[in-house]
Each structure stands twice: as C-alpha cells, then as structure tokens.
Amino acid sequence: MNLYFDAAATTPLSEKALEAYIKTEREFFANPSSLHKEGVKAHKELERNRAEIADLISVPPASLFFTSGATESIAAVFSSFLLSTPGKVIISSIEHDAVSSWLRPLERSGWKTAMLKAKGGIVRKEDLEAELTSDTRLVAIMSVNNVTGAVENIKELVETVRSYEKGLKHRIFFFSDSVQALGKIPFDPVALGIDGASFSAHKINGPRGIGALYLRRPEAFTAIAPAGGQEKGKRGGTENLPAIAGFRAALGEWMDGAEERREHIKMLSNRIKDAINGLGFHILSPADASPYIISFASPLPSEVYTRMLSERGISVSSGSACSNNTKGEGERILLSMGIRSSEAKNAVRISLSNGSDSDGVDELIKAIKEIGHGR
C-alpha cells in the first residue's frame, strides 16, 4: 500500500500535464526570444499558454508572468522594494518562510517591519488597521495557509488598505501568496483587488520548477534584475515552455468541474475530521479552513507519528515540508496562532488532492485508529 496525503507539499505530475510537456518539448524546442521561424512559433505557443492560464485564473494575460515557482515570484516582489526609498512592510505572522525570510534583508536596508497576529489562524482587519502608517509600502498576507488551511478574508483586508491609502500620496502594494488557493477555493485576484499573487504548478499536479506571478499593474513594477528582458523585463531567462504547457494542462484539469471536486474533497475531509475527533485529538485547522488541509495534534511527537504512518504505507507531513530543511516553520506558524507548544510539537498535517478517494481515506482512517494514542 502506498497512499499519499501530502499534497500541500507537492503532487504527482498528471498524465495530461506530462503529455503536454513532452509534446511541447518536441514541437516547440526553439527559444521563444529568437527571431527565426522556429523561435516565432515557440513565442506564439508561449503566448497561447499564457492566455489559457490567465483565463483559468481569471486575470488579463498581460498581468501574468512565468517564474520558476512561487518562491521566485515572492522574491521578485520583495526584492523590488530594495530599489525603493525605505518605508514599512507588514506581513502576517503565519506567512511561509518564502515571505517571512525577506524581513531581515529589508530591515538591513532600512525598512521598518511588522508582523500581524493571526489568532486561530485568521488575520483581523483591526490588527492591520493598527499597523498601517503613512510610510507603509507593502502588505503581504497569504490567501490560504500551508500548515492549517486557514482561509484569510483577503477582500476585507484589501479594502482596509485601500481605505487607508486614500489619504496618502502613494499606493500600498498588497501581495498575497496564493499557492494553496489556486484551484482549491474560489479565487479571483482581480475581484479581490490584490496587486500581486504567487502560484506554483506542482501543487496541482503540474511540473516542478514552474510558477507564475500576477501583477495588477505591471507597468508600475520594476524587477531588481531584469536580466535578458524576457517576460517583458519582469523575469529574465529563457522561458521554460514545456513546463508552462504542463502547468496549463494541469490547471485545466483542476478547474474542470472545480465545484464538484471541492464538494467531494470536503466530504472526504469531514470524514477524516470525524475520525480524528472520535479519538479525542485536537484539530488545529480552523473550522472553515480549506478542506484540502487538515492539521491535528497527534498523541506523539509529529516525527514519530508520521513515521508510524509511513511504515503503514501512508505519507503525511509533520508540518510544512519546506521546513524540514530549516526546522520550525510549521511549529512557528501554529504557535503564532495561539496553539499550545505541546500540541504544536505534535502537529501532523494531512493534505488532500483531487486524486484523493474514499478507499484511500478509509485506509488512512484505519491506520489512525490502529495507532490510536500510541500506548
């Protein structure tokens, strides 16, 4: 048995995405920046894929730029502020390390920084209002948390910023790491009014090493290093056209019948939660979290519990997989939510994908019950 419940970390490449990757690699091998016939053909294919992905995300094609993934998209935005006169940047205390790690470089460059509380995993507009000052230039609050699945009220938070900036002579850039939102919750960057968002293909059965950056006003964004000028100067380097095609194919699959898929995942998620509650374990995810992510406090240290499930052929996470290299991201996020240290250390994350099914969930529940309280 090999059951995978760590989809928030990454997902397997779908057959359609793989087929699109291989087909594009073979048929559109030229550099899209080249002026010869094959290069022009590759450029047209690049723009066709951009238009289709943009349509699936509900943004204008001119506002979407391809990167190597969400981490690079985030870096592009945060590093660009190093070119500006130092002001203030505000982030939530539950951001992924890809965001929070930028505070130190900004501080070294003279920026003031602030972290918003997120009691229970939710950032409140009152806390944001209290931190907004006349020199605030950037606010970054993720759409869906990667550890607990907490869904932020981005629209309300954006409106709070827009209301405050009416008295300013500059605009405040509102950025949202939206990796865990894409395809998993209703999400419309334009309607939300955000200025920038990051996406990764490998979270939705697309290839690794490809992502996208949404910019509401591209003309107002200056990359710190435009390199060769590709992606209209927002991200240099030859575009990874085969991976972009795989991204498009995977996203198309996720968006096809998205509402029905989400209802199915919600049903599976509720079954898992019922089993966890039945054992008396504390579910750490908010009640209205994304159904794709469930975090709970196991009766054993998280590393022990995940290993016991792994020995039964079931893959889950002891927190954010990215933190296994740096230690502590998942625990940091849970502590900032107000979770007790003893529970944060024992936290286990179960994350579903559109490939999750009832049989697999039955086996997961069976294994959780077998382990029980680990006595």
Protein backbone atom coordinates (compact mmCIF):
# COMPACT_ATOMS: atom_id res chain seq x y z
CA MET A 1 0.00 0.00 0.00
CA ASN A 2 1.24 3.47 -0.88
CA LEU A 3 -1.17 6.27 -0.08
CA TYR A 4 -0.16 9.89 -0.48
CA PHE A 5 -1.67 12.57 1.77
CA ASP A 6 1.00 15.27 1.49
CA ALA A 7 -0.39 17.18 -1.48
CA ALA A 8 0.21 20.58 0.15
CA ALA A 9 3.93 19.83 -0.23
CA THR A 10 3.74 18.61 -3.82
CA THR A 11 1.63 16.44 -6.10
CA PRO A 12 2.48 13.84 -8.75
CA LEU A 13 2.58 15.01 -12.33
CA SER A 14 -0.67 14.19 -14.11
CA GLU A 15 -0.65 12.23 -17.36
CA LYS A 16 -2.14 15.15 -19.29
CA ALA A 17 0.50 17.50 -17.90
CA LEU A 18 3.25 15.05 -18.79
CA GLU A 19 1.87 14.62 -22.31
CA ALA A 20 1.70 18.39 -22.78
CA TYR A 21 5.27 18.74 -21.50
CA ILE A 22 6.67 16.11 -23.86
CA LYS A 23 4.68 17.33 -26.89
CA THR A 24 5.82 20.93 -26.34
CA GLU A 25 9.44 19.90 -25.78
CA ARG A 26 9.43 18.10 -29.12
CA GLU A 27 7.43 20.53 -31.24
CA PHE A 28 8.44 23.89 -29.78
CA PHE A 29 12.10 23.40 -28.91
CA ALA A 30 13.33 26.83 -30.03
CA ASN A 31 13.96 29.82 -27.78
CA PRO A 32 10.79 31.99 -27.76
CA SER A 33 13.01 35.09 -27.97
CA SER A 34 14.63 34.01 -31.24
CA LEU A 35 13.57 35.84 -34.39
CA HIS A 36 13.75 32.90 -36.81
CA LYS A 37 10.75 30.83 -37.85
CA GLU A 38 11.06 28.23 -35.08
CA GLY A 39 11.54 30.93 -32.45
CA VAL A 40 8.43 32.79 -33.63
CA LYS A 41 6.49 29.52 -33.49
CA ALA A 42 7.68 28.93 -29.92
CA HIS A 43 6.76 32.50 -28.94
CA LYS A 44 3.22 32.06 -30.28
CA GLU A 45 2.89 28.85 -28.26
CA LEU A 46 4.17 30.65 -25.16
CA GLU A 47 1.56 33.37 -25.52
CA ARG A 48 -1.19 30.83 -26.24
CA ASN A 49 -0.38 29.06 -22.99
CA ARG A 50 -0.21 32.36 -21.12
CA ALA A 51 -3.65 33.35 -22.41
CA GLU A 52 -5.19 30.00 -21.43
CA ILE A 53 -3.66 30.00 -17.93
CA ALA A 54 -4.68 33.63 -17.42
CA ASP A 55 -8.24 32.76 -18.44
CA LEU A 56 -8.31 29.87 -15.95
CA ILE A 57 -7.05 32.18 -13.18
CA SER A 58 -9.41 34.98 -14.33
CA VAL A 59 -6.70 37.59 -14.92
CA PRO A 60 -5.61 39.51 -18.05
CA PRO A 61 -2.81 37.70 -19.95
CA ALA A 62 -0.64 40.84 -19.79
CA SER A 63 -0.69 40.65 -15.98
CA LEU A 64 0.73 37.10 -15.77
CA PHE A 65 4.47 36.37 -15.75
CA PHE A 66 6.12 32.97 -15.63
CA THR A 67 8.74 32.17 -12.97
CA SER A 68 10.39 29.04 -11.60
CA GLY A 69 7.76 28.84 -8.84
CA ALA A 70 6.10 30.74 -6.03
CA THR A 71 9.34 31.29 -4.12
CA GLU A 72 10.83 33.16 -7.07
CA SER A 73 7.60 35.09 -7.61
CA ILE A 74 7.69 36.19 -3.98
CA ALA A 75 11.37 37.08 -4.23
CA ALA A 76 10.70 39.18 -7.33
CA VAL A 77 8.17 41.29 -5.45
CA PHE A 78 10.06 41.69 -2.18
CA SER A 79 13.44 42.32 -3.80
CA SER A 80 11.92 45.03 -5.98
CA PHE A 81 11.27 47.09 -2.85
CA LEU A 82 15.01 47.21 -2.19
CA LEU A 83 15.08 49.68 -5.08
CA SER A 84 12.63 51.99 -3.28
CA THR A 85 13.07 54.53 -0.52
CA PRO A 86 12.74 52.54 2.74
CA GLY A 87 9.33 52.59 4.36
CA LYS A 88 7.29 49.99 6.21
CA VAL A 89 6.35 46.44 5.25
CA ILE A 90 3.62 44.49 7.04
CA ILE A 91 3.16 40.72 6.83
CA SER A 92 1.15 38.20 8.80
CA SER A 93 2.79 36.02 11.44
CA ILE A 94 1.68 32.88 9.59
CA GLU A 95 3.42 33.51 6.28
CA HIS A 96 5.51 30.85 4.57
CA ASP A 97 9.25 31.25 5.05
CA ALA A 98 9.45 32.31 1.41
CA VAL A 99 7.80 35.55 2.56
CA SER A 100 8.94 35.95 6.18
CA SER A 101 12.61 35.39 5.32
CA TRP A 102 12.59 38.69 3.40
CA LEU A 103 12.08 40.78 6.54
CA ARG A 104 15.73 40.64 7.56
CA PRO A 105 17.17 41.80 4.21
CA LEU A 106 14.63 44.63 4.14
CA GLU A 107 15.46 45.62 7.71
CA ARG A 108 19.16 45.71 6.81
CA SER A 109 18.25 48.13 4.03
CA GLY A 110 16.48 50.46 6.45
CA TRP A 111 12.92 49.19 6.22
CA LYS A 112 10.61 49.02 9.22
CA THR A 113 8.74 45.73 9.52
CA ALA A 114 5.69 44.47 11.39
CA MET A 115 4.05 41.07 11.85
CA LEU A 116 0.30 40.83 12.30
CA LYS A 117 -1.24 38.49 14.85
CA ALA A 118 -3.31 35.63 13.49
CA LYS A 119 -5.21 34.23 16.47
CA GLY A 120 -6.85 31.00 15.39
CA GLY A 121 -5.11 31.36 12.04
CA ILE A 122 -7.05 34.43 10.89
CA VAL A 123 -5.69 37.94 10.39
CA ARG A 124 -8.17 40.56 11.61
CA LYS A 125 -8.66 43.89 9.91
CA GLU A 126 -8.40 45.71 13.26
CA ASP A 127 -4.85 44.45 13.69
CA LEU A 128 -3.99 45.52 10.16
CA GLU A 129 -5.51 48.96 10.70
CA ALA A 130 -3.43 49.41 13.85
CA GLU A 131 -0.18 48.80 11.94
CA LEU A 132 -0.86 50.92 8.86
CA THR A 133 1.22 54.09 8.82
CA SER A 134 1.90 56.85 6.29
CA ASP A 135 5.15 55.18 5.21
CA THR A 136 3.65 51.71 4.63
CA ARG A 137 4.58 50.49 1.17
CA LEU A 138 3.89 46.75 1.21
CA VAL A 139 1.36 44.46 2.90
CA ALA A 140 1.67 40.69 2.40
CA ILE A 141 -0.99 38.29 3.68
CA MET A 142 -1.35 34.77 2.27
CA SER A 143 -4.69 33.57 0.88
CA VAL A 144 -4.64 30.03 2.33
CA ASN A 145 -2.20 28.88 4.99
CA ASN A 146 0.00 25.96 4.02
CA VAL A 147 0.08 24.42 7.51
CA THR A 148 -3.55 24.68 8.65
CA GLY A 149 -5.52 25.58 5.52
CA ALA A 150 -6.84 28.76 7.18
CA VAL A 151 -8.57 30.91 4.56
CA GLU A 152 -7.99 34.63 5.02
CA ASN A 153 -10.59 37.29 4.28
CA ILE A 154 -8.39 38.89 1.64
CA LYS A 155 -11.13 41.10 0.20
CA GLU A 156 -11.80 42.71 3.58
CA LEU A 157 -8.09 43.18 4.25
CA VAL A 158 -7.52 44.74 0.82
CA GLU A 159 -10.44 47.12 1.39
CA THR A 160 -8.88 48.11 4.72
CA VAL A 161 -5.64 49.02 2.97
CA ARG A 162 -7.40 50.86 0.14
CA SER A 163 -9.43 52.90 2.61
CA TYR A 164 -6.29 53.93 4.49
CA GLU A 165 -4.26 54.83 1.41
CA LYS A 166 -6.83 57.38 0.26
CA GLY A 167 -5.07 59.89 2.48
CA LEU A 168 -1.63 59.04 1.08
CA LYS A 169 0.26 60.20 -1.98
CA HIS A 170 1.39 56.69 -2.82
CA ARG A 171 -0.23 53.30 -3.30
CA ILE A 172 0.32 50.43 -0.89
CA PHE A 173 1.19 47.19 -2.70
CA PHE A 174 -0.98 44.32 -1.41
CA PHE A 175 0.60 40.94 -2.11
CA SER A 176 -0.90 37.51 -1.42
CA ASP A 177 0.93 34.19 -1.57
CA SER A 178 -1.82 32.18 -3.24
CA VAL A 179 -0.17 28.80 -3.77
CA GLN A 180 -2.69 26.84 -1.69
CA ALA A 181 -5.65 28.81 -3.07
CA LEU A 182 -5.24 28.09 -6.77
CA GLY A 183 -7.83 25.53 -7.84
CA LYS A 184 -8.78 24.74 -4.26
CA ILE A 185 -11.02 27.63 -3.23
CA PRO A 186 -12.95 30.20 -5.28
CA PHE A 187 -10.23 32.74 -6.05
CA ASP A 188 -10.34 35.81 -8.29
CA PRO A 189 -7.30 38.11 -7.95
CA VAL A 190 -8.93 40.91 -9.94
CA ALA A 191 -12.16 40.92 -7.93
CA LEU A 192 -10.16 40.80 -4.68
CA GLY A 193 -8.20 43.87 -5.74
CA ILE A 194 -4.79 42.49 -4.82
CA ASP A 195 -1.69 43.91 -6.52
CA GLY A 196 0.33 40.69 -6.72
CA ALA A 197 -0.03 36.95 -6.20
CA SER A 198 2.22 33.90 -6.48
CA PHE A 199 1.37 30.45 -7.86
CA SER A 200 3.12 27.07 -8.25
CA ALA A 201 2.22 24.33 -10.73
CA HIS A 202 3.48 21.40 -8.68
CA LYS A 203 0.74 21.87 -6.06
CA ILE A 204 -1.92 20.99 -8.66
CA ASN A 205 -0.34 18.02 -10.49
CA GLY A 206 1.79 20.22 -12.74
CA PRO A 207 5.57 20.13 -13.24
CA ARG A 208 8.03 21.27 -10.61
CA GLY A 209 10.09 24.35 -11.34
CA ILE A 210 7.34 26.43 -12.94
CA GLY A 211 5.07 29.03 -11.40
CA ALA A 212 3.57 32.41 -12.08
CA LEU A 213 3.47 35.94 -10.74
CA TYR A 214 0.31 38.03 -11.12
CA LEU A 215 0.82 41.79 -11.22
CA ARG A 216 -2.23 44.00 -11.30
CA ARG A 217 -0.23 46.95 -12.64
CA PRO A 218 2.83 45.52 -14.42
CA GLU A 219 3.89 48.94 -15.67
CA ALA A 220 4.43 50.08 -12.07
CA PHE A 221 6.63 47.10 -11.19
CA THR A 222 10.40 47.20 -11.60
CA ALA A 223 12.35 43.96 -11.25
CA ILE A 224 15.63 44.26 -9.36
CA ALA A 225 17.42 42.27 -12.10
CA PRO A 226 15.57 42.07 -15.44
CA ALA A 227 18.46 40.06 -16.96
CA GLY A 228 17.76 39.32 -20.63
CA GLY A 229 14.46 41.17 -20.66
CA GLN A 230 12.23 38.14 -21.09
CA GLU A 231 8.69 38.30 -19.65
CA LYS A 232 8.60 42.00 -20.54
CA GLY A 233 11.52 42.67 -18.24
CA LYS A 234 9.80 41.29 -15.14
CA ARG A 235 11.71 37.99 -15.09
CA GLY A 236 14.79 37.32 -17.17
CA GLY A 237 15.84 33.93 -18.51
CA THR A 238 14.62 31.69 -21.30
CA GLU A 239 11.04 30.67 -20.59
CA ASN A 240 10.52 27.01 -19.69
CA LEU A 241 7.91 26.45 -22.38
CA PRO A 242 7.40 22.67 -21.86
CA ALA A 243 6.79 23.21 -18.13
CA ILE A 244 4.46 26.12 -18.88
CA ALA A 245 2.44 23.81 -21.15
CA GLY A 246 2.34 21.23 -18.36
CA PHE A 247 1.15 23.94 -15.96
CA ARG A 248 -1.63 24.86 -18.38
CA ALA A 249 -2.75 21.26 -18.80
CA ALA A 250 -2.73 20.57 -15.05
CA LEU A 251 -4.61 23.76 -14.20
CA GLY A 252 -7.18 22.96 -16.86
CA GLU A 253 -7.81 19.60 -15.21
CA TRP A 254 -8.18 21.20 -11.78
CA MET A 255 -10.60 23.83 -13.00
CA ASP A 256 -12.75 21.39 -14.95
CA GLY A 257 -15.70 20.70 -12.66
CA ALA A 258 -13.96 22.51 -9.80
CA GLU A 259 -17.10 22.96 -7.68
CA GLU A 260 -17.99 19.26 -7.78
CA ARG A 261 -14.39 18.31 -6.98
CA ARG A 262 -14.30 20.65 -3.99
CA GLU A 263 -17.51 19.18 -2.63
CA HIS A 264 -16.01 15.70 -2.95
CA ILE A 265 -12.85 16.78 -1.12
CA LYS A 266 -14.96 18.45 1.56
CA MET A 267 -16.81 15.17 2.12
CA LEU A 268 -13.52 13.26 2.44
CA SER A 269 -12.11 15.94 4.72
CA ASN A 270 -15.14 15.78 7.03
CA ARG A 271 -14.80 12.00 7.30
CA ILE A 272 -11.17 12.34 8.36
CA LYS A 273 -12.03 15.06 10.86
CA ASP A 274 -14.83 12.95 12.35
CA ALA A 275 -12.39 10.09 12.88
CA ILE A 276 -9.80 12.37 14.47
CA ASN A 277 -12.40 13.95 16.73
CA GLY A 278 -13.63 10.50 17.67
CA LEU A 279 -10.19 9.68 19.07
CA GLY A 280 -10.20 12.88 21.12
CA PHE A 281 -7.41 14.58 19.15
CA HIS A 282 -7.47 18.36 18.76
CA ILE A 283 -7.93 19.57 15.20
CA LEU A 284 -5.70 22.62 14.77
CA SER A 285 -7.14 23.81 11.46
CA PRO A 286 -9.96 26.40 11.70
CA ALA A 287 -13.47 25.04 11.22
CA ASP A 288 -13.84 26.86 7.90
CA ALA A 289 -10.36 26.05 6.60
CA SER A 290 -9.70 24.77 3.10
CA PRO A 291 -10.87 21.13 3.02
CA TYR A 292 -7.61 20.22 1.29
CA ILE A 293 -5.58 20.68 4.51
CA ILE A 294 -6.18 19.18 7.97
CA SER A 295 -3.76 19.72 10.84
CA PHE A 296 -4.25 17.98 14.16
CA ALA A 297 -2.32 17.40 17.38
CA SER A 298 -1.28 13.75 17.50
CA PRO A 299 -0.63 11.93 20.80
CA LEU A 300 3.06 11.52 19.87
CA PRO A 301 5.83 13.81 18.61
CA SER A 302 4.97 14.62 15.00
CA GLU A 303 8.09 12.94 13.59
CA VAL A 304 7.23 9.71 15.40
CA TYR A 305 3.60 9.76 14.30
CA THR A 306 4.40 10.48 10.65
CA ARG A 307 6.98 7.67 10.67
CA MET A 308 4.42 5.23 12.08
CA LEU A 309 2.01 6.14 9.29
CA SER A 310 4.82 5.91 6.74
CA GLU A 311 5.59 2.36 7.91
CA ARG A 312 1.97 1.57 7.04
CA GLY A 313 2.45 2.97 3.54
CA ILE A 314 0.81 6.34 4.21
CA SER A 315 2.54 9.66 3.55
CA VAL A 316 1.59 12.71 5.62
CA SER A 317 3.62 15.68 6.87
CA SER A 318 4.86 16.73 10.28
CA GLY A 319 4.30 20.32 9.23
CA SER A 320 5.37 22.25 6.17
CA ALA A 321 7.64 20.04 4.07
CA CYS A 322 9.73 23.11 3.19
CA SER A 323 10.64 23.44 6.87
CA ASN A 324 12.32 20.04 7.03
CA ASN A 325 15.47 21.77 5.77
CA THR A 326 15.32 24.73 8.12
CA LYS A 327 13.29 23.29 11.01
CA GLY A 328 10.46 25.09 12.71
CA GLU A 329 8.20 26.78 10.14
CA GLY A 330 5.13 24.68 10.91
CA GLU A 331 5.65 24.99 14.66
CA ARG A 332 6.27 28.75 14.35
CA ILE A 333 3.01 29.22 12.47
CA LEU A 334 0.99 27.15 14.94
CA LEU A 335 2.45 28.99 17.94
CA SER A 336 1.60 32.33 16.36
CA MET A 337 -2.00 31.09 16.03
CA GLY A 338 -2.14 30.59 19.79
CA ILE A 339 -1.70 26.81 19.71
CA ARG A 340 -0.01 25.39 22.83
CA SER A 341 3.63 24.41 22.41
CA SER A 342 2.92 20.78 23.36
CA GLU A 343 0.34 20.50 20.57
CA ALA A 344 2.44 22.41 18.02
CA LYS A 345 5.31 19.95 18.51
CA ASN A 346 2.92 17.05 17.87
CA ALA A 347 1.21 18.58 14.85
CA VAL A 348 0.51 16.36 11.84
CA ARG A 349 -0.72 17.69 8.51
CA ILE A 350 -2.93 15.65 6.20
CA SER A 351 -3.37 17.27 2.81
CA LEU A 352 -5.63 16.06 0.02
CA SER A 353 -5.60 16.49 -3.73
CA ASN A 354 -8.13 15.92 -6.48
CA GLY A 355 -6.73 12.40 -6.76
CA SER A 356 -7.79 11.52 -3.20
CA ASP A 357 -10.60 8.97 -3.00
CA SER A 358 -12.82 7.20 -0.48
CA ASP A 359 -10.81 3.97 -0.48
CA GLY A 360 -7.62 5.81 0.37
CA VAL A 361 -9.34 7.79 3.11
CA ASP A 362 -10.73 4.53 4.55
CA GLU A 363 -7.17 3.17 4.82
CA LEU A 364 -5.91 6.41 6.36
CA ILE A 365 -8.66 6.39 8.98
CA LYS A 366 -7.99 2.71 9.70
CA ALA A 367 -4.29 3.43 10.26
CA ILE A 368 -5.01 6.41 12.52
CA LYS A 369 -7.32 4.27 14.62
CA GLU A 370 -4.76 1.44 14.78
CA ILE A 371 -2.10 3.81 16.09
CA GLY A 372 -4.62 5.33 18.45
CA HIS A 373 -2.96 7.09 21.34
CA GLY A 374 0.29 5.24 20.72
CA ARG A 375 0.31 3.46 24.06
